[in-house]
Amino acid sequence: MPIYGSMFNILSRNISTSTICNQIIKLTRLRVVDNSEIGKQAMMEGKPPRCIHIYNKKGIGYIGDRVLVAIKGEKKKVL
């Protein structure tokens, strides 16, 4: 039985799982889901936008909150 346990540990190391995170904090990478040209270009280049400010008093945003993002060297306020 110890061989099976150690073999399971070796095989499971290659699998990375994480929980779904709906929170947005500063420097979070975001995924662009609209049809804007700047968003398409950023995602194609592999440089997704990053959150640089959250417009609420909690400091933690959720999906649907207004945030300020940096995308391709520009600052954009998004929902």
Protein backbone atom coordinates (compact mmCIF):
# COMPACT_ATOMS: atom_id res chain seq x y z
CA MET A 1 0.00 0.00 0.00
CA PRO A 2 2.79 2.54 0.62
CA ILE A 3 3.91 2.12 -2.99
CA TYR A 4 0.43 3.06 -4.23
CA GLY A 5 0.35 6.12 -1.96
CA SER A 6 3.73 7.39 -3.10
CA MET A 7 2.86 6.69 -6.73
CA PHE A 8 -0.36 8.69 -6.34
CA ASN A 9 1.63 11.62 -4.91
CA ILE A 10 4.04 11.55 -7.85
CA LEU A 11 1.21 11.50 -10.39
CA SER A 12 -0.82 14.22 -8.68
CA ARG A 13 2.03 16.73 -8.61
CA ASN A 14 1.56 17.56 -12.29
CA ILE A 15 -2.07 18.56 -11.81
CA SER A 16 -2.69 22.11 -10.70
CA THR A 17 -6.14 23.04 -9.47
CA SER A 18 -7.36 26.23 -7.92
CA THR A 19 -10.69 27.46 -6.73
CA ILE A 20 -12.74 29.87 -8.77
CA CYS A 21 -11.99 33.40 -7.65
CA ASN A 22 -14.55 36.10 -8.31
CA GLN A 23 -12.63 38.76 -6.38
CA ILE A 24 -10.61 41.50 -8.04
CA ILE A 25 -7.68 43.10 -6.21
CA LYS A 26 -4.90 45.38 -7.41
CA LEU A 27 -2.61 43.85 -10.05
CA THR A 28 -5.14 41.14 -10.89
CA ARG A 29 -4.95 40.03 -14.53
CA LEU A 30 -8.32 40.35 -16.20
CA ARG A 31 -9.85 38.71 -19.26
CA VAL A 32 -11.38 40.96 -21.92
CA VAL A 33 -14.81 39.73 -23.02
CA ASP A 34 -16.03 42.61 -25.23
CA ASN A 35 -15.31 43.25 -28.91
CA SER A 36 -13.00 46.24 -28.50
CA GLU A 37 -9.91 46.34 -30.71
CA ILE A 38 -7.56 47.25 -27.84
CA GLY A 39 -8.87 44.29 -25.83
CA LYS A 40 -8.49 41.85 -28.72
CA GLN A 41 -4.93 43.01 -29.41
CA ALA A 42 -3.89 42.77 -25.76
CA MET A 43 -5.26 39.25 -25.40
CA MET A 44 -3.68 38.11 -28.70
CA GLU A 45 -0.27 39.43 -27.57
CA GLY A 46 -0.59 37.60 -24.26
CA LYS A 47 -0.59 40.82 -22.24
CA PRO A 48 -3.96 40.90 -20.47
CA PRO A 49 -5.03 44.10 -18.71
CA ARG A 50 -4.27 44.53 -15.01
CA CYS A 51 -6.42 46.16 -12.39
CA ILE A 52 -4.77 49.27 -10.90
CA HIS A 53 -7.65 50.72 -8.87
CA ILE A 54 -11.03 49.59 -7.53
CA TYR A 55 -13.81 52.16 -7.16
CA ASN A 56 -15.37 51.08 -3.86
CA LYS A 57 -14.58 51.50 -0.18
CA LYS A 58 -13.82 47.84 0.52
CA GLY A 59 -10.70 47.63 -1.62
CA ILE A 60 -11.81 44.31 -3.06
CA GLY A 61 -13.91 44.28 -6.20
CA TYR A 62 -16.20 41.65 -7.63
CA ILE A 63 -17.47 40.92 -11.12
CA GLY A 64 -19.53 43.91 -12.23
CA ASP A 65 -17.71 46.55 -10.13
CA ARG A 66 -16.02 49.58 -11.71
CA VAL A 67 -12.24 49.29 -11.89
CA LEU A 68 -9.38 51.17 -13.51
CA VAL A 69 -7.21 48.96 -15.71
CA ALA A 70 -3.92 49.38 -17.49
CA ILE A 71 -4.11 47.95 -20.99
CA LYS A 72 -1.40 48.41 -23.64
CA GLY A 73 0.05 51.44 -21.86
CA GLU A 74 -3.30 53.19 -21.43
CA LYS A 75 -5.59 53.63 -18.44
CA LYS A 76 -9.26 52.72 -18.94
CA LYS A 77 -12.19 52.82 -16.52
CA VAL A 78 -14.26 49.66 -17.03
CA LEU A 79 -17.28 47.94 -15.57
